[in-house]
Amino acid sequence: MQDSAHTLLLRIFRDMPDRRMIGKVSHKLHDILVITVCAVICGLEHWTQIEDFARANEQWFKTFLDLANGIPSHDTFGKVFAFIDPDEFERRIQKWIHALVGSDTQGKHIAIDGKTLRKSFDTASNKVAVHMLNAYVYENHAVFGQLKVDGKTNEITAIPKLLEMLQLKEATVTIDAMGCQKEIAKKIIENEGHYVLALKGNQSTLQEDVRMFMDDLIARDRRQQCDYYETIEKSHGRIEIRKCWSCWDIDWLIHRHDWAGLSSISAVECTRKLNGKSSTERRYFISSHSGKQAQKIATLIRNHWRVENELHWTLDVSFNEDQCRVRIENAAENLCRIRRISLILLKNDTRCKLGIKSKRAKAGYDRNYMLTLLGFDTQKRTQSQ
C-alpha cells in the first residue's frame, strides 16, 4: 500500500463532520481519532494513558498529523468520544472497511451476534451496560456493521436496522434464536439474501414441530428423505463428532407456519468425548436454502460460532474490553469501534507472523511497524526524509 492511511483512514477521519462548538475547538477531530487508534493498538485503555502516550510521541505524531495546539488533555479525549455521533462514526468506518478489504457483504456469510461491554454500566446513574450488535463477515474475518442496543431483549428491533447497513444479495445471514423472527426472515428474503436461523423457546410451536419431525426422521434412519453430513475432529485429547440432517420436503410445515422463504429444516447433533466422558447436544434450525444442503448448513452453523473466538474472545483477552470502565454518553460505544478498527488493522497485516498480542507489543516499540499498520509505505517515507 502506498500511503493508504492518507487515502483511507486519515482521509475518512478528516472528512468526518466535527459538530463541536466553533471557536472552542483547539484540537482537530482527526488528530484525536488517529492518536486514539495508535494508542489502542499499543494496548492502552484509559484516557490518561492515551494522553501520556501521545505526549511521549509528540514529535513522531507531528510527522503525519497537524497538532497545531499540541497534544489534547485526557479530559478532551474523553469529552470528544462522548460527543461523537455514533451513527456517523459507523458510516465512516464501513466506508473504510469496504475500501480496505476491497469488497462488500454480497454473497458472503454474515453472522449476527451481540456482545455486552460488561464494565460499561453505571449503577449511580442507573445506566445498564452497553450491548453492541455485530455483523461479522466470516470470509473477511471483520465486522462490517455494528449497532448499539439497549439490551439483549432489544436485539429483535435492532437486527433489521443492522441488516439495512449490509448488501444481502446472495449472502447468507445466520442468527441465534433471539433473531428467529418472521419479520427478520422476511427482510432478508426481500433483499435477495438467505438465512439460517436457530430455533428455541421463543418460537415454541415451530420448534416443537421441527423437533418432533426431525427426531422421528433420525430415529427411523430415513436417509432417503433427507441429506446427511458428518465430521469428526480430534484435538488435545478431545473428540468432537458433528452430524447434520437437512430435509427439504416440508410443504406441510410451510403451510402450517407462514415464514418467508422457508425451504428446509435441519438438526445438528454434536457429541464431545473427553477423558472417558461423553456429552451430546442436538439443535434445530430453519433455512431458506433448498435441496440437498446438509454440508452447507453444517458449515454455516459451525462458522457462525467462530465469531466467539475470532471476535469476542480476542476483544476480551487481547484488548481487555470487558474490563474497560469508559461509560459517559457515547464514549463506550465509540471506543468499541476504535478497538474494531485496531483489530482489523492488526489482522490485515499478514507480513508479520505474530499473534495479536505480540503485534500490539511490537507496534508499541517499533514506530515503523505502527506506520505499516496504518498503511504508510515506510521505505518511501525514509527516502523522502
Protein backbone atom coordinates (compact mmCIF):
# COMPACT_ATOMS: atom_id res chain seq x y z
CA MET A 1 0.00 0.00 0.00
CA GLN A 2 1.31 3.48 -0.78
CA ASP A 3 0.43 5.96 1.94
CA SER A 4 -3.02 4.36 2.06
CA ALA A 5 -3.52 5.77 5.56
CA HIS A 6 -3.90 9.18 3.91
CA THR A 7 -6.28 7.88 1.25
CA LEU A 8 -8.25 5.66 3.64
CA LEU A 9 -8.19 6.02 7.41
CA LEU A 10 -6.78 9.55 7.78
CA ARG A 11 -8.80 10.93 4.89
CA ILE A 12 -12.04 9.44 6.18
CA PHE A 13 -11.34 10.81 9.66
CA ARG A 14 -10.55 14.23 8.16
CA ASP A 15 -13.85 14.23 6.25
CA MET A 16 -15.89 13.33 9.32
CA PRO A 17 -18.15 16.23 10.39
CA ASP A 18 -16.99 17.94 13.58
CA ARG A 19 -20.10 19.10 15.46
CA ARG A 20 -18.24 20.72 18.36
CA MET A 21 -18.88 24.41 19.08
CA ILE A 22 -16.99 26.68 16.67
CA GLY A 23 -14.50 28.92 18.47
CA LYS A 24 -13.98 26.49 21.34
CA VAL A 25 -12.10 23.81 19.42
CA SER A 26 -8.33 23.65 19.96
CA HIS A 27 -7.61 20.18 18.58
CA LYS A 28 -8.71 18.71 15.27
CA LEU A 29 -11.04 15.75 15.41
CA HIS A 30 -9.00 13.57 13.06
CA ASP A 31 -5.86 14.10 15.20
CA ILE A 32 -7.71 12.85 18.27
CA LEU A 33 -9.09 9.83 16.42
CA VAL A 34 -5.78 8.77 14.90
CA ILE A 35 -3.88 9.16 18.19
CA THR A 36 -6.51 7.02 19.92
CA VAL A 37 -6.27 4.30 17.26
CA CYS A 38 -2.48 4.19 17.68
CA ALA A 39 -2.74 4.13 21.48
CA VAL A 40 -5.33 1.33 21.49
CA ILE A 41 -3.21 -0.72 19.06
CA CYS A 42 -0.35 -0.40 21.57
CA GLY A 43 -2.51 -1.76 24.40
CA LEU A 44 -3.61 1.41 26.20
CA GLU A 45 -7.11 1.53 27.66
CA HIS A 46 -7.65 4.80 29.57
CA TRP A 47 -7.73 8.45 28.52
CA THR A 48 -4.84 9.35 30.86
CA GLN A 49 -2.71 6.61 29.30
CA ILE A 50 -3.60 7.83 25.81
CA GLU A 51 -2.58 11.39 26.70
CA ASP A 52 0.77 10.20 28.15
CA PHE A 53 1.39 8.05 25.08
CA ALA A 54 0.69 10.99 22.75
CA ARG A 55 2.97 13.36 24.70
CA ALA A 56 5.80 10.83 24.70
CA ASN A 57 5.48 10.51 20.91
CA GLU A 58 4.50 14.08 20.04
CA GLN A 59 7.34 14.71 17.56
CA TRP A 60 6.61 11.44 15.77
CA PHE A 61 2.89 12.23 15.51
CA LYS A 62 3.71 15.65 14.07
CA THR A 63 5.29 13.95 11.04
CA PHE A 64 1.82 12.97 9.77
CA LEU A 65 -0.73 14.86 11.94
CA ASP A 66 -1.41 18.60 12.36
CA LEU A 67 -1.35 19.03 16.17
CA ALA A 68 -1.32 22.83 15.82
CA ASN A 69 -2.03 23.22 19.55
CA GLY A 70 -0.04 20.25 20.80
CA ILE A 71 -1.45 17.15 22.47
CA PRO A 72 -5.04 17.15 23.80
CA SER A 73 -5.61 16.50 27.51
CA HIS A 74 -7.16 13.26 28.73
CA ASP A 75 -10.36 15.21 29.51
CA THR A 76 -10.51 16.34 25.89
CA PHE A 77 -10.15 12.78 24.63
CA GLY A 78 -12.99 11.64 26.89
CA LYS A 79 -15.30 14.54 26.03
CA VAL A 80 -14.76 14.18 22.28
CA PHE A 81 -15.55 10.46 22.29
CA ALA A 82 -18.63 11.08 24.43
CA PHE A 83 -19.79 13.70 21.91
CA ILE A 84 -19.10 11.94 18.57
CA ASP A 85 -22.26 10.84 16.75
CA PRO A 86 -22.08 7.01 16.79
CA ASP A 87 -24.11 6.55 13.60
CA GLU A 88 -21.94 8.99 11.65
CA PHE A 89 -18.82 7.28 13.00
CA GLU A 90 -20.17 3.88 11.98
CA ARG A 91 -20.86 5.04 8.43
CA ARG A 92 -17.27 6.28 8.11
CA ILE A 93 -15.88 3.02 9.43
CA GLN A 94 -17.98 1.00 7.00
CA LYS A 95 -16.69 3.09 4.12
CA TRP A 96 -13.11 2.49 5.28
CA ILE A 97 -13.63 -1.27 5.71
CA HIS A 98 -15.06 -1.62 2.21
CA ALA A 99 -12.09 0.26 0.75
CA LEU A 100 -9.56 -1.69 2.81
CA VAL A 101 -10.99 -5.15 2.20
CA GLY A 102 -11.97 -4.36 -1.37
CA SER A 103 -15.42 -5.96 -1.28
CA ASP A 104 -18.84 -5.74 0.32
CA THR A 105 -21.01 -8.36 2.01
CA GLN A 106 -22.75 -9.60 -1.15
CA GLY A 107 -22.58 -13.39 -1.44
CA LYS A 108 -20.82 -13.75 1.93
CA HIS A 109 -21.65 -15.43 5.24
CA ILE A 110 -22.86 -12.78 7.71
CA ALA A 111 -23.04 -13.88 11.34
CA ILE A 112 -25.20 -11.61 13.51
CA ASP A 113 -24.27 -11.76 17.18
CA GLY A 114 -24.26 -9.42 20.18
CA LYS A 115 -21.65 -8.62 22.83
CA THR A 116 -22.06 -6.75 26.11
CA LEU A 117 -19.37 -4.32 27.32
CA ARG A 118 -19.65 -5.64 30.84
CA LYS A 119 -17.95 -2.82 32.78
CA SER A 120 -19.74 -0.01 30.95
CA PHE A 121 -22.67 0.00 33.41
CA ASP A 122 -23.10 2.86 35.86
CA THR A 123 -25.06 1.97 38.99
CA ALA A 124 -25.13 5.55 40.28
CA SER A 125 -26.98 6.84 37.23
CA ASN A 126 -28.96 3.62 36.72
CA LYS A 127 -27.26 3.05 33.35
CA VAL A 128 -27.12 -0.53 32.08
CA ALA A 129 -24.09 -1.96 30.31
CA VAL A 130 -23.73 -1.14 26.61
CA HIS A 131 -24.72 -4.02 24.32
CA MET A 132 -23.28 -3.99 20.78
CA LEU A 133 -24.77 -5.96 17.88
CA ASN A 134 -22.19 -7.07 15.30
CA ALA A 135 -22.46 -8.20 11.68
CA TYR A 136 -19.36 -10.37 11.31
CA VAL A 137 -18.41 -11.41 7.77
CA TYR A 138 -16.73 -14.78 8.03
CA GLU A 139 -14.83 -14.63 4.73
CA ASN A 140 -13.18 -11.32 5.65
CA HIS A 141 -12.86 -12.00 9.40
CA ALA A 142 -14.14 -8.48 10.05
CA VAL A 143 -17.18 -6.70 11.46
CA PHE A 144 -18.87 -4.88 8.56
CA GLY A 145 -21.65 -3.37 10.65
CA GLN A 146 -22.09 -2.51 14.32
CA LEU A 147 -25.04 -1.11 16.23
CA LYS A 148 -25.69 -0.30 19.87
CA VAL A 149 -28.82 -1.70 21.52
CA ASP A 150 -30.20 -1.02 24.98
CA GLY A 151 -30.01 -4.65 26.00
CA LYS A 152 -30.25 -8.20 24.68
CA THR A 153 -34.04 -8.04 24.70
CA ASN A 154 -33.86 -5.27 22.11
CA GLU A 155 -31.79 -7.21 19.57
CA ILE A 156 -35.07 -8.11 17.85
CA THR A 157 -35.70 -4.48 16.89
CA ALA A 158 -32.01 -3.69 16.23
CA ILE A 159 -31.31 -6.56 13.82
CA PRO A 160 -33.46 -5.13 10.96
CA LYS A 161 -31.62 -1.79 11.31
CA LEU A 162 -28.27 -3.59 11.17
CA LEU A 163 -29.34 -5.54 8.08
CA GLU A 164 -30.08 -2.25 6.31
CA MET A 165 -26.35 -1.44 6.51
CA LEU A 166 -25.38 -4.54 4.54
CA GLN A 167 -25.53 -5.91 0.99
CA LEU A 168 -27.62 -9.07 1.41
CA LYS A 169 -27.89 -10.23 -2.21
CA GLU A 170 -26.84 -13.93 -2.36
CA ALA A 171 -25.43 -13.65 1.17
CA THR A 172 -26.43 -16.00 3.99
CA VAL A 173 -27.34 -14.48 7.36
CA THR A 174 -27.02 -16.70 10.43
CA ILE A 175 -28.56 -15.61 13.74
CA ASP A 176 -29.09 -17.34 17.08
CA ALA A 177 -32.56 -17.99 18.49
CA MET A 178 -33.08 -14.36 19.55
CA GLY A 179 -33.22 -13.33 15.89
CA CYS A 180 -35.56 -16.11 14.78
CA GLN A 181 -38.43 -13.78 13.89
CA LYS A 182 -40.76 -13.69 10.88
CA GLU A 183 -40.07 -10.02 10.12
CA ILE A 184 -36.31 -10.58 10.15
CA ALA A 185 -36.61 -13.56 7.80
CA LYS A 186 -38.88 -11.53 5.52
CA LYS A 187 -36.41 -8.62 5.38
CA ILE A 188 -33.55 -10.93 4.41
CA ILE A 189 -35.59 -12.57 1.63
CA GLU A 190 -36.83 -9.20 0.32
CA ASN A 191 -33.20 -8.15 -0.05
CA GLU A 192 -32.40 -11.33 -2.04
CA GLY A 193 -30.46 -12.99 0.74
CA HIS A 194 -30.69 -16.36 2.53
CA TYR A 195 -30.99 -17.20 6.21
CA VAL A 196 -30.20 -19.97 8.68
CA LEU A 197 -31.97 -19.30 11.99
CA ALA A 198 -31.67 -21.23 15.24
CA LEU A 199 -34.86 -22.44 16.93
CA LYS A 200 -35.57 -22.23 20.65
CA GLY A 201 -38.43 -21.49 23.02
CA ASN A 202 -39.29 -18.09 21.54
CA GLN A 203 -40.79 -19.97 18.57
CA SER A 204 -42.20 -22.80 20.67
CA THR A 205 -44.77 -24.20 18.21
CA LEU A 206 -42.42 -24.11 15.23
CA GLN A 207 -39.58 -25.54 17.29
CA GLU A 208 -41.73 -28.39 18.55
CA ASP A 209 -42.95 -29.25 15.04
CA VAL A 210 -39.38 -29.28 13.67
CA ARG A 211 -38.02 -31.18 16.66
CA MET A 212 -40.65 -33.94 16.52
CA PHE A 213 -40.31 -34.34 12.75
CA MET A 214 -36.51 -34.41 12.68
CA ASP A 215 -36.19 -36.64 15.75
CA ASP A 216 -38.57 -39.16 14.20
CA LEU A 217 -36.75 -39.00 10.85
CA ILE A 218 -33.39 -39.57 12.57
CA ALA A 219 -34.70 -42.35 14.82
CA ARG A 220 -36.10 -44.22 11.81
CA ASP A 221 -32.90 -43.56 9.85
CA ARG A 222 -34.80 -42.30 6.82
CA ARG A 223 -31.76 -41.15 4.85
CA GLN A 224 -33.76 -41.17 1.61
CA GLN A 225 -35.89 -38.31 2.94
CA CYS A 226 -33.01 -36.03 3.95
CA ASP A 227 -29.42 -35.08 3.25
CA TYR A 228 -26.74 -36.07 5.78
CA TYR A 229 -23.26 -34.79 6.60
CA GLU A 230 -20.82 -35.77 9.35
CA THR A 231 -17.41 -34.59 10.55
CA ILE A 232 -15.04 -35.94 13.20
CA GLU A 233 -12.37 -33.75 14.80
CA LYS A 234 -9.65 -34.85 17.21
CA SER A 235 -7.70 -32.23 19.16
CA HIS A 236 -5.96 -32.11 22.57
CA GLY A 237 -7.41 -35.44 23.63
CA ARG A 238 -10.95 -34.40 22.75
CA ILE A 239 -13.09 -35.94 20.03
CA GLU A 240 -15.97 -33.98 18.51
CA ILE A 241 -18.47 -35.70 16.20
CA ARG A 242 -20.83 -33.35 14.37
CA LYS A 243 -23.81 -34.66 12.43
CA CYS A 244 -26.25 -32.66 10.33
CA TRP A 245 -29.54 -33.84 8.82
CA SER A 246 -31.29 -31.48 6.39
CA CYS A 247 -34.78 -32.04 4.98
CA TRP A 248 -36.31 -30.05 2.12
CA ASP A 249 -39.64 -31.90 1.75
CA ILE A 250 -41.53 -29.68 4.19
CA ASP A 251 -44.66 -28.43 2.40
CA TRP A 252 -46.67 -29.44 5.45
CA LEU A 253 -44.57 -27.13 7.64
CA ILE A 254 -44.63 -24.24 5.18
CA HIS A 255 -48.46 -24.32 5.12
CA ARG A 256 -48.62 -24.55 8.91
CA HIS A 257 -46.12 -21.73 9.55
CA ASP A 258 -46.05 -18.70 7.28
CA TRP A 259 -42.32 -17.88 7.05
CA ALA A 260 -40.89 -16.00 4.06
CA GLY A 261 -38.52 -18.15 2.02
CA LEU A 262 -38.70 -21.20 4.30
CA SER A 263 -37.29 -24.10 2.25
CA SER A 264 -35.59 -26.55 4.62
CA ILE A 265 -35.20 -27.61 8.24
CA SER A 266 -32.14 -29.11 9.88
CA ALA A 267 -30.98 -30.87 13.02
CA VAL A 268 -27.36 -30.59 14.14
CA GLU A 269 -26.02 -33.01 16.74
CA CYS A 270 -22.67 -32.53 18.45
CA THR A 271 -21.06 -35.26 20.58
CA ARG A 272 -17.98 -34.43 22.66
CA LYS A 273 -15.76 -37.11 24.20
CA LEU A 274 -13.09 -36.19 26.74
CA ASN A 275 -11.41 -38.21 29.49
CA GLY A 276 -13.85 -41.08 29.07
CA LYS A 277 -16.89 -38.81 29.40
CA SER A 278 -19.33 -38.07 26.61
CA SER A 279 -21.98 -35.36 26.10
CA THR A 280 -24.43 -34.91 23.23
CA GLU A 281 -26.47 -31.87 22.23
CA ARG A 282 -28.98 -31.59 19.37
CA ARG A 283 -30.14 -28.24 17.96
CA TYR A 284 -32.69 -27.33 15.30
CA PHE A 285 -32.69 -24.74 12.51
CA ILE A 286 -34.82 -23.35 9.71
CA SER A 287 -33.34 -22.10 6.43
CA SER A 288 -34.19 -20.56 3.08
CA HIS A 289 -31.62 -22.82 1.37
CA SER A 290 -33.35 -25.63 -0.53
CA GLY A 291 -32.31 -29.03 -1.81
CA LYS A 292 -29.50 -31.21 -0.50
CA GLN A 293 -27.72 -28.72 1.68
CA ALA A 294 -26.59 -30.64 4.79
CA GLN A 295 -22.88 -29.90 4.31
CA LYS A 296 -23.54 -26.22 3.62
CA ILE A 297 -25.90 -25.84 6.58
CA ALA A 298 -23.46 -27.63 8.90
CA THR A 299 -20.59 -25.42 7.76
CA LEU A 300 -22.60 -22.21 8.16
CA ILE A 301 -23.70 -23.17 11.68
CA ARG A 302 -20.16 -24.16 12.65
CA ASN A 303 -18.67 -20.96 11.26
CA HIS A 304 -21.33 -18.82 12.95
CA TRP A 305 -19.88 -19.63 16.34
CA ARG A 306 -16.36 -18.80 15.23
CA VAL A 307 -17.33 -15.19 15.87
CA GLU A 308 -16.96 -16.03 19.57
CA ASN A 309 -13.28 -16.99 19.12
CA GLU A 310 -12.29 -14.67 16.30
CA LEU A 311 -14.00 -11.53 17.64
CA HIS A 312 -15.40 -11.69 21.16
CA TRP A 313 -12.62 -13.78 22.71
CA THR A 314 -9.94 -11.66 21.02
CA LEU A 315 -11.50 -8.40 22.20
CA ASP A 316 -11.76 -9.70 25.78
CA VAL A 317 -8.37 -11.41 26.03
CA SER A 318 -6.17 -9.27 23.76
CA PHE A 319 -7.93 -5.90 24.22
CA ASN A 320 -9.33 -6.40 27.75
CA GLU A 321 -12.63 -4.96 26.50
CA ASP A 322 -14.83 -6.35 29.26
CA GLN A 323 -12.83 -4.50 31.92
CA CYS A 324 -12.97 -1.05 30.29
CA ARG A 325 -14.79 1.42 32.57
CA VAL A 326 -15.41 4.12 29.93
CA ARG A 327 -19.13 4.85 30.13
CA ILE A 328 -20.04 8.56 29.69
CA GLU A 329 -22.65 9.20 26.96
CA ASN A 330 -21.39 7.76 23.61
CA ALA A 331 -17.80 7.13 24.75
CA ALA A 332 -18.09 3.37 25.40
CA GLU A 333 -19.79 2.74 22.05
CA ASN A 334 -17.29 4.86 20.09
CA LEU A 335 -14.25 3.41 21.86
CA CYS A 336 -15.60 -0.05 21.00
CA ARG A 337 -15.40 0.98 17.34
CA ILE A 338 -11.80 2.13 17.81
CA ARG A 339 -10.95 -1.38 19.06
CA ARG A 340 -12.68 -2.77 16.00
CA ILE A 341 -10.55 -0.56 13.72
CA SER A 342 -7.41 -1.59 15.61
CA LEU A 343 -8.22 -5.29 15.36
CA ILE A 344 -8.86 -5.03 11.60
CA LEU A 345 -5.55 -3.22 11.09
CA LEU A 346 -3.69 -5.89 13.07
CA LYS A 347 -5.39 -8.75 11.23
CA ASN A 348 -4.89 -7.08 7.87
CA ASP A 349 -1.11 -7.19 8.36
CA THR A 350 -0.11 -10.62 7.03
CA ARG A 351 3.62 -9.91 6.71
CA CYS A 352 4.22 -10.09 10.46
CA LYS A 353 3.67 -13.70 11.63
CA LEU A 354 2.96 -12.83 15.27
CA GLY A 355 -0.28 -13.17 17.22
CA ILE A 356 -2.49 -10.18 18.02
CA LYS A 357 -0.95 -9.56 21.47
CA SER A 358 2.60 -9.72 20.12
CA LYS A 359 1.71 -7.43 17.19
CA ARG A 360 0.34 -4.86 19.65
CA ALA A 361 3.55 -5.02 21.68
CA LYS A 362 5.65 -4.63 18.53
CA ALA A 363 3.65 -1.57 17.49
CA GLY A 364 4.44 -0.05 20.90
CA TYR A 365 8.22 -0.12 20.43
CA ASP A 366 8.60 -0.14 16.64
CA ARG A 367 7.32 3.09 15.08
CA ASN A 368 7.93 1.86 11.53
CA TYR A 369 5.72 -1.14 12.25
CA MET A 370 3.00 1.19 13.55
CA LEU A 371 3.20 3.19 10.32
CA THR A 372 2.97 -0.05 8.36
CA LEU A 373 -0.22 -0.97 10.24
CA LEU A 374 -1.66 2.44 9.40
CA GLY A 375 -0.84 1.85 5.75
CA PHE A 376 2.19 4.05 5.16
CA ASP A 377 4.95 2.95 2.80
CA THR A 378 7.82 3.23 5.33
CA GLN A 379 10.56 2.83 2.69
CA LYS A 380 9.13 5.74 0.69
CA ARG A 381 8.93 7.89 3.84
CA THR A 382 12.55 7.09 4.75
CA GLN A 383 13.78 8.07 1.28
CA SER A 384 11.86 11.36 1.36
CA GLN A 385 13.24 12.39 4.76
